[in-house]
């Protein structure tokens, strides 16, 4: 979803760094072989994830929603040499494709894959996180926040994807629209929580940057 005029969007993309070849290959294979390839973080958003990770230089990263592994590899570009990225997805059918590209990337030994329900898995990861990327089922965004906020290091950053939800959050929301109501409630929740400071960016389908105070 693009909220900027196409000419402005195209100019921004043209004047941003290109994705590495391994990510080009993963992008191509995802579109050729996997259902719902639009779920993939594209090249432009991927470069945003990469540069944020490089600015933070995290030692520990948590990703909720692996899909085919594109966004994980983008964030690994900023991961410390001794760091680890934990990534969670409920779709076990994507595990081998993720692992294929994780190993090809050179970050394979630093990436820990988890398959199952993130609500069950997160409490059992014995880590404090410097960077978290939330890109999973929208109905649970607020629940994920409640789980991870106490597991964040001071100054840690939480990135939340799809927070504009194709613009539905600024329209009259149907009470039966679970996902849109959940995203709208989540946006309010993290903006009002005194433990964090938040800015919502209209990048692609909306990306929130939330920094833990302390």
C-alpha atoms as a PDB file:
ATOM      1  CA  UNK A   1       0.000   0.000   0.000  1.00  0.00           C
ATOM      2  CA  UNK A   2       1.446   3.386  -1.040  1.00  0.00           C
ATOM      3  CA  UNK A   3       0.115   6.613   0.471  1.00  0.00           C
ATOM      4  CA  UNK A   4       2.390   8.937  -1.501  1.00  0.00           C
ATOM      5  CA  UNK A   5       1.862   9.900  -5.156  1.00  0.00           C
ATOM      6  CA  UNK A   6       3.493   7.318  -7.422  1.00  0.00           C
ATOM      7  CA  UNK A   7       6.019   9.819  -8.769  1.00  0.00           C
ATOM      8  CA  UNK A   8       7.216  10.698  -5.264  1.00  0.00           C
ATOM      9  CA  UNK A   9       7.312   7.043  -4.240  1.00  0.00           C
ATOM     10  CA  UNK A  10       9.297   6.096  -7.346  1.00  0.00           C
ATOM     11  CA  UNK A  11      11.741   8.948  -6.739  1.00  0.00           C
ATOM     12  CA  UNK A  12      12.279   7.838  -3.133  1.00  0.00           C
ATOM     13  CA  UNK A  13      12.930   4.265  -4.234  1.00  0.00           C
ATOM     14  CA  UNK A  14      15.261   5.369  -7.050  1.00  0.00           C
ATOM     15  CA  UNK A  15      17.347   7.373  -4.596  1.00  0.00           C
ATOM     16  CA  UNK A  16      17.615   4.661  -1.949  1.00  0.00           C
ATOM     17  CA  UNK A  17      20.160   1.845  -1.807  1.00  0.00           C
ATOM     18  CA  UNK A  18      19.396  -1.335  -3.726  1.00  0.00           C
ATOM     19  CA  UNK A  19      18.839  -4.613  -1.898  1.00  0.00           C
ATOM     20  CA  UNK A  20      21.734  -7.134  -1.906  1.00  0.00           C
ATOM     21  CA  UNK A  21      21.556  -9.902  -4.500  1.00  0.00           C
ATOM     22  CA  UNK A  22      20.647 -12.599  -1.982  1.00  0.00           C
ATOM     23  CA  UNK A  23      17.539 -10.605  -1.090  1.00  0.00           C
ATOM     24  CA  UNK A  24      16.723 -10.151  -4.771  1.00  0.00           C
ATOM     25  CA  UNK A  25      16.900 -13.939  -5.124  1.00  0.00           C
ATOM     26  CA  UNK A  26      14.721 -14.512  -2.053  1.00  0.00           C
ATOM     27  CA  UNK A  27      12.222 -11.964  -3.341  1.00  0.00           C
ATOM     28  CA  UNK A  28      12.035 -13.769  -6.684  1.00  0.00           C
ATOM     29  CA  UNK A  29      11.669 -17.233  -5.149  1.00  0.00           C
ATOM     30  CA  UNK A  30       8.988 -16.010  -2.758  1.00  0.00           C
ATOM     31  CA  UNK A  31       6.921 -14.585  -5.608  1.00  0.00           C
ATOM     32  CA  UNK A  32       7.394 -17.758  -7.657  1.00  0.00           C
ATOM     33  CA  UNK A  33       6.697 -20.399  -5.029  1.00  0.00           C
ATOM     34  CA  UNK A  34       4.913 -19.058  -1.924  1.00  0.00           C
ATOM     35  CA  UNK A  35       1.303 -18.089  -1.327  1.00  0.00           C
ATOM     36  CA  UNK A  36       0.520 -14.427  -0.571  1.00  0.00           C
ATOM     37  CA  UNK A  37       3.888 -13.015  -1.711  1.00  0.00           C
ATOM     38  CA  UNK A  38       2.616  -9.494  -1.022  1.00  0.00           C
ATOM     39  CA  UNK A  39       3.323 -10.257   2.658  1.00  0.00           C
ATOM     40  CA  UNK A  40       7.029  -9.936   1.847  1.00  0.00           C
ATOM     41  CA  UNK A  41       8.845  -6.838   3.060  1.00  0.00           C
ATOM     42  CA  UNK A  42       9.832  -5.168  -0.194  1.00  0.00           C
ATOM     43  CA  UNK A  43      13.216  -3.763  -1.143  1.00  0.00           C
ATOM     44  CA  UNK A  44      12.473  -0.216   0.022  1.00  0.00           C
ATOM     45  CA  UNK A  45      11.107  -1.178   3.430  1.00  0.00           C
ATOM     46  CA  UNK A  46      13.856  -3.755   3.727  1.00  0.00           C
ATOM     47  CA  UNK A  47      16.478  -1.011   3.351  1.00  0.00           C
ATOM     48  CA  UNK A  48      14.697   0.944   6.087  1.00  0.00           C
ATOM     49  CA  UNK A  49      14.862  -2.082   8.407  1.00  0.00           C
ATOM     50  CA  UNK A  50      18.519  -2.532   7.511  1.00  0.00           C
ATOM     51  CA  UNK A  51      19.560   1.032   8.237  1.00  0.00           C
ATOM     52  CA  UNK A  52      17.610   1.159  11.507  1.00  0.00           C
ATOM     53  CA  UNK A  53      19.348  -2.036  12.617  1.00  0.00           C
ATOM     54  CA  UNK A  54      22.735  -0.602  11.611  1.00  0.00           C
ATOM     55  CA  UNK A  55      22.038   2.545  13.645  1.00  0.00           C
ATOM     56  CA  UNK A  56      21.027   0.509  16.699  1.00  0.00           C
ATOM     57  CA  UNK A  57      23.665  -2.225  16.276  1.00  0.00           C
ATOM     58  CA  UNK A  58      21.584  -4.672  18.336  1.00  0.00           C
ATOM     59  CA  UNK A  59      22.995  -7.687  20.096  1.00  0.00           C
ATOM     60  CA  UNK A  60      19.571  -9.317  20.368  1.00  0.00           C
ATOM     61  CA  UNK A  61      16.699  -9.096  17.888  1.00  0.00           C
ATOM     62  CA  UNK A  62      13.222 -10.607  18.054  1.00  0.00           C
ATOM     63  CA  UNK A  63      11.058 -10.909  14.966  1.00  0.00           C
ATOM     64  CA  UNK A  64       7.402 -11.901  15.266  1.00  0.00           C
ATOM     65  CA  UNK A  65       6.366 -13.110  11.830  1.00  0.00           C
ATOM     66  CA  UNK A  66       9.188 -14.586   9.739  1.00  0.00           C
ATOM     67  CA  UNK A  67       7.341 -15.346   6.487  1.00  0.00           C
ATOM     68  CA  UNK A  68      10.179 -16.293   4.088  1.00  0.00           C
ATOM     69  CA  UNK A  69      12.933 -14.562   6.057  1.00  0.00           C
ATOM     70  CA  UNK A  70      13.458 -11.374   4.045  1.00  0.00           C
ATOM     71  CA  UNK A  71      13.028  -8.899   6.897  1.00  0.00           C
ATOM     72  CA  UNK A  72      15.142 -11.037   9.232  1.00  0.00           C
ATOM     73  CA  UNK A  73      18.059 -10.883   6.809  1.00  0.00           C
ATOM     74  CA  UNK A  74      17.647  -7.124   6.469  1.00  0.00           C
ATOM     75  CA  UNK A  75      17.918  -6.650  10.236  1.00  0.00           C
ATOM     76  CA  UNK A  76      20.852  -9.052  10.468  1.00  0.00           C
ATOM     77  CA  UNK A  77      22.868  -6.531   8.463  1.00  0.00           C
ATOM     78  CA  UNK A  78      23.085  -4.445  11.643  1.00  0.00           C
ATOM     79  CA  UNK A  79      23.397  -7.321  14.125  1.00  0.00           C
ATOM     80  CA  UNK A  80      26.553  -7.424  16.220  1.00  0.00           C
ATOM     81  CA  UNK A  81      29.008 -10.223  15.251  1.00  0.00           C
ATOM     82  CA  UNK A  82      28.228 -12.042  18.515  1.00  0.00           C
ATOM     83  CA  UNK A  83      24.512 -11.253  18.353  1.00  0.00           C
ATOM     84  CA  UNK A  84      21.462 -13.427  17.780  1.00  0.00           C
ATOM     85  CA  UNK A  85      18.133 -12.974  16.014  1.00  0.00           C
ATOM     86  CA  UNK A  86      15.126 -14.984  17.178  1.00  0.00           C
ATOM     87  CA  UNK A  87      12.381 -15.231  14.589  1.00  0.00           C
ATOM     88  CA  UNK A  88       8.948 -16.788  15.084  1.00  0.00           C
ATOM     89  CA  UNK A  89       6.409 -18.025  12.549  1.00  0.00           C
ATOM     90  CA  UNK A  90       3.477 -20.384  12.850  1.00  0.00           C
ATOM     91  CA  UNK A  91       3.861 -21.785   9.308  1.00  0.00           C
ATOM     92  CA  UNK A  92       6.220 -24.756   9.516  1.00  0.00           C
ATOM     93  CA  UNK A  93       6.032 -25.224   5.732  1.00  0.00           C
ATOM     94  CA  UNK A  94       8.243 -22.155   5.271  1.00  0.00           C
ATOM     95  CA  UNK A  95      10.978 -23.353   7.635  1.00  0.00           C
ATOM     96  CA  UNK A  96      13.229 -24.937   5.003  1.00  0.00           C
ATOM     97  CA  UNK A  97      13.014 -21.957   2.640  1.00  0.00           C
ATOM     98  CA  UNK A  98      13.894 -19.606   5.484  1.00  0.00           C
ATOM     99  CA  UNK A  99      16.838 -21.766   6.512  1.00  0.00           C
ATOM    100  CA  UNK A 100      18.113 -22.027   2.940  1.00  0.00           C
ATOM    101  CA  UNK A 101      18.523 -18.273   2.663  1.00  0.00           C
ATOM    102  CA  UNK A 102      19.663 -17.803   6.254  1.00  0.00           C
ATOM    103  CA  UNK A 103      22.554 -20.171   5.600  1.00  0.00           C
ATOM    104  CA  UNK A 104      23.376 -18.642   2.215  1.00  0.00           C
ATOM    105  CA  UNK A 105      23.518 -15.203   3.808  1.00  0.00           C
ATOM    106  CA  UNK A 106      26.320 -15.994   6.210  1.00  0.00           C
ATOM    107  CA  UNK A 107      24.111 -15.151   9.199  1.00  0.00           C
ATOM    108  CA  UNK A 108      22.797 -18.695   9.586  1.00  0.00           C
ATOM    109  CA  UNK A 109      24.556 -19.415  12.874  1.00  0.00           C
ATOM    110  CA  UNK A 110      23.134 -16.225  14.389  1.00  0.00           C
ATOM    111  CA  UNK A 111      19.501 -16.889  13.495  1.00  0.00           C
ATOM    112  CA  UNK A 112      17.302 -19.029  15.735  1.00  0.00           C
ATOM    113  CA  UNK A 113      14.047 -20.155  14.126  1.00  0.00           C
ATOM    114  CA  UNK A 114      10.956 -20.853  16.221  1.00  0.00           C
ATOM    115  CA  UNK A 115       7.809 -22.469  14.835  1.00  0.00           C
ATOM    116  CA  UNK A 116       4.495 -22.111  16.623  1.00  0.00           C
ATOM    117  CA  UNK A 117       2.362 -19.622  18.516  1.00  0.00           C
ATOM    118  CA  UNK A 118       4.380 -16.520  19.390  1.00  0.00           C
ATOM    119  CA  UNK A 119       2.315 -15.997  22.547  1.00  0.00           C
ATOM    120  CA  UNK A 120       3.638 -19.326  23.851  1.00  0.00           C
ATOM    121  CA  UNK A 121       7.179 -18.986  22.510  1.00  0.00           C
ATOM    122  CA  UNK A 122       8.128 -15.447  23.578  1.00  0.00           C
ATOM    123  CA  UNK A 123       7.932 -16.082  27.365  1.00  0.00           C
ATOM    124  CA  UNK A 124      10.369 -18.984  26.931  1.00  0.00           C
ATOM    125  CA  UNK A 125      13.064 -16.993  25.111  1.00  0.00           C
ATOM    126  CA  UNK A 126      15.555 -16.091  27.822  1.00  0.00           C
ATOM    127  CA  UNK A 127      16.789 -12.826  26.325  1.00  0.00           C
ATOM    128  CA  UNK A 128      16.500  -9.068  26.691  1.00  0.00           C
ATOM    129  CA  UNK A 129      15.982  -7.451  23.294  1.00  0.00           C
ATOM    130  CA  UNK A 130      17.520  -4.400  21.661  1.00  0.00           C
ATOM    131  CA  UNK A 131      15.302  -4.541  18.580  1.00  0.00           C
ATOM    132  CA  UNK A 132      11.909  -6.146  17.921  1.00  0.00           C
ATOM    133  CA  UNK A 133      10.001  -6.289  14.637  1.00  0.00           C
ATOM    134  CA  UNK A 134       6.279  -7.081  14.872  1.00  0.00           C
ATOM    135  CA  UNK A 135       4.735  -8.243  11.590  1.00  0.00           C
ATOM    136  CA  UNK A 136       2.292 -11.032  12.417  1.00  0.00           C
ATOM    137  CA  UNK A 137      -1.426 -11.456  13.137  1.00  0.00           C
ATOM    138  CA  UNK A 138      -2.851  -7.999  13.745  1.00  0.00           C
ATOM    139  CA  UNK A 139      -5.362  -9.089  16.379  1.00  0.00           C
ATOM    140  CA  UNK A 140      -2.473  -9.918  18.734  1.00  0.00           C
ATOM    141  CA  UNK A 141      -0.317  -6.798  18.294  1.00  0.00           C
ATOM    142  CA  UNK A 142      -1.318  -5.412  21.694  1.00  0.00           C
ATOM    143  CA  UNK A 143      -0.742  -8.799  23.322  1.00  0.00           C
ATOM    144  CA  UNK A 144       2.711  -9.038  21.764  1.00  0.00           C
ATOM    145  CA  UNK A 145       3.555  -5.601  23.093  1.00  0.00           C
ATOM    146  CA  UNK A 146       2.517  -6.626  26.600  1.00  0.00           C
ATOM    147  CA  UNK A 147       4.760  -9.688  26.362  1.00  0.00           C
ATOM    148  CA  UNK A 148       7.846  -7.977  25.011  1.00  0.00           C
ATOM    149  CA  UNK A 149       7.858  -4.634  26.835  1.00  0.00           C
ATOM    150  CA  UNK A 150       9.317  -6.185  29.990  1.00  0.00           C
ATOM    151  CA  UNK A 151      11.892  -8.049  27.889  1.00  0.00           C
ATOM    152  CA  UNK A 152      13.291  -4.912  26.238  1.00  0.00           C
ATOM    153  CA  UNK A 153      16.628  -3.359  27.134  1.00  0.00           C
ATOM    154  CA  UNK A 154      16.517   0.366  28.005  1.00  0.00           C
ATOM    155  CA  UNK A 155      16.608   2.320  24.760  1.00  0.00           C
ATOM    156  CA  UNK A 156      15.452  -0.720  22.823  1.00  0.00           C
ATOM    157  CA  UNK A 157      13.314  -0.226  19.728  1.00  0.00           C
ATOM    158  CA  UNK A 158      10.078  -1.932  18.683  1.00  0.00           C
ATOM    159  CA  UNK A 159       9.124  -1.685  15.004  1.00  0.00           C
ATOM    160  CA  UNK A 160       5.494  -2.439  14.116  1.00  0.00           C
ATOM    161  CA  UNK A 161       4.424  -3.037  10.525  1.00  0.00           C
ATOM    162  CA  UNK A 162       1.069  -2.485   8.767  1.00  0.00           C
ATOM    163  CA  UNK A 163      -0.110   0.056  11.322  1.00  0.00           C
ATOM    164  CA  UNK A 164      -2.114   2.015   8.719  1.00  0.00           C
ATOM    165  CA  UNK A 165      -3.769  -1.177   7.461  1.00  0.00           C
ATOM    166  CA  UNK A 166      -4.418   0.038   3.897  1.00  0.00           C
ATOM    167  CA  UNK A 167      -5.819   3.283   5.293  1.00  0.00           C
ATOM    168  CA  UNK A 168      -8.694   1.542   7.049  1.00  0.00           C
ATOM    169  CA  UNK A 169      -7.694   3.035  10.412  1.00  0.00           C
ATOM    170  CA  UNK A 170      -8.793   6.518   9.286  1.00  0.00           C
ATOM    171  CA  UNK A 171     -12.116   5.354   7.888  1.00  0.00           C
ATOM    172  CA  UNK A 172     -15.258   4.479   9.802  1.00  0.00           C
ATOM    173  CA  UNK A 173     -14.392   1.090  11.249  1.00  0.00           C
ATOM    174  CA  UNK A 174     -16.920  -1.708  11.166  1.00  0.00           C
ATOM    175  CA  UNK A 175     -17.287  -3.099  14.724  1.00  0.00           C
ATOM    176  CA  UNK A 176     -16.986  -6.583  13.187  1.00  0.00           C
ATOM    177  CA  UNK A 177     -13.644  -5.786  11.526  1.00  0.00           C
ATOM    178  CA  UNK A 178     -11.403  -7.436  14.099  1.00  0.00           C
ATOM    179  CA  UNK A 179      -8.048  -6.627  12.511  1.00  0.00           C
ATOM    180  CA  UNK A 180      -8.681  -2.947  11.848  1.00  0.00           C
ATOM    181  CA  UNK A 181     -10.080  -2.415  15.341  1.00  0.00           C
ATOM    182  CA  UNK A 182      -7.072  -4.235  16.798  1.00  0.00           C
ATOM    183  CA  UNK A 183      -4.578  -2.107  14.854  1.00  0.00           C
ATOM    184  CA  UNK A 184      -6.381   1.107  15.793  1.00  0.00           C
ATOM    185  CA  UNK A 185      -6.404   0.113  19.470  1.00  0.00           C
ATOM    186  CA  UNK A 186      -2.736  -0.863  19.287  1.00  0.00           C
ATOM    187  CA  UNK A 187      -1.742   2.476  17.758  1.00  0.00           C
ATOM    188  CA  UNK A 188      -3.498   4.293  20.602  1.00  0.00           C
ATOM    189  CA  UNK A 189      -2.022   1.953  23.220  1.00  0.00           C
ATOM    190  CA  UNK A 190       1.635   2.421  22.308  1.00  0.00           C
ATOM    191  CA  UNK A 191       1.212   6.163  21.809  1.00  0.00           C
ATOM    192  CA  UNK A 192      -0.178   6.554  25.324  1.00  0.00           C
ATOM    193  CA  UNK A 193       2.092   4.144  27.225  1.00  0.00           C
ATOM    194  CA  UNK A 194       4.450   6.224  29.438  1.00  0.00           C
ATOM    195  CA  UNK A 195       7.201   3.600  29.180  1.00  0.00           C
ATOM    196  CA  UNK A 196       7.818   4.317  25.496  1.00  0.00           C
ATOM    197  CA  UNK A 197       7.959   7.098  22.928  1.00  0.00           C
ATOM    198  CA  UNK A 198       6.444   6.467  19.512  1.00  0.00           C
ATOM    199  CA  UNK A 199       6.360   7.908  16.019  1.00  0.00           C
ATOM    200  CA  UNK A 200       4.178   6.472  13.248  1.00  0.00           C
ATOM    201  CA  UNK A 201       5.647   6.785   9.766  1.00  0.00           C
ATOM    202  CA  UNK A 202       3.457   6.581   6.617  1.00  0.00           C
ATOM    203  CA  UNK A 203       5.968   4.274   4.935  1.00  0.00           C
ATOM    204  CA  UNK A 204       4.325   1.672   2.725  1.00  0.00           C
ATOM    205  CA  UNK A 205       1.458   0.334   4.882  1.00  0.00           C
ATOM    206  CA  UNK A 206       2.635   2.216   7.956  1.00  0.00           C
ATOM    207  CA  UNK A 207       5.655   1.565  10.189  1.00  0.00           C
ATOM    208  CA  UNK A 208       5.798   2.589  13.834  1.00  0.00           C
ATOM    209  CA  UNK A 209       9.075   3.179  15.635  1.00  0.00           C
ATOM    210  CA  UNK A 210       8.706   2.815  19.398  1.00  0.00           C
ATOM    211  CA  UNK A 211      11.635   3.455  21.733  1.00  0.00           C
ATOM    212  CA  UNK A 212      11.721   2.154  25.286  1.00  0.00           C
ATOM    213  CA  UNK A 213      12.460   4.976  27.704  1.00  0.00           C
ATOM    214  CA  UNK A 214      15.137   4.385  30.281  1.00  0.00           C
END
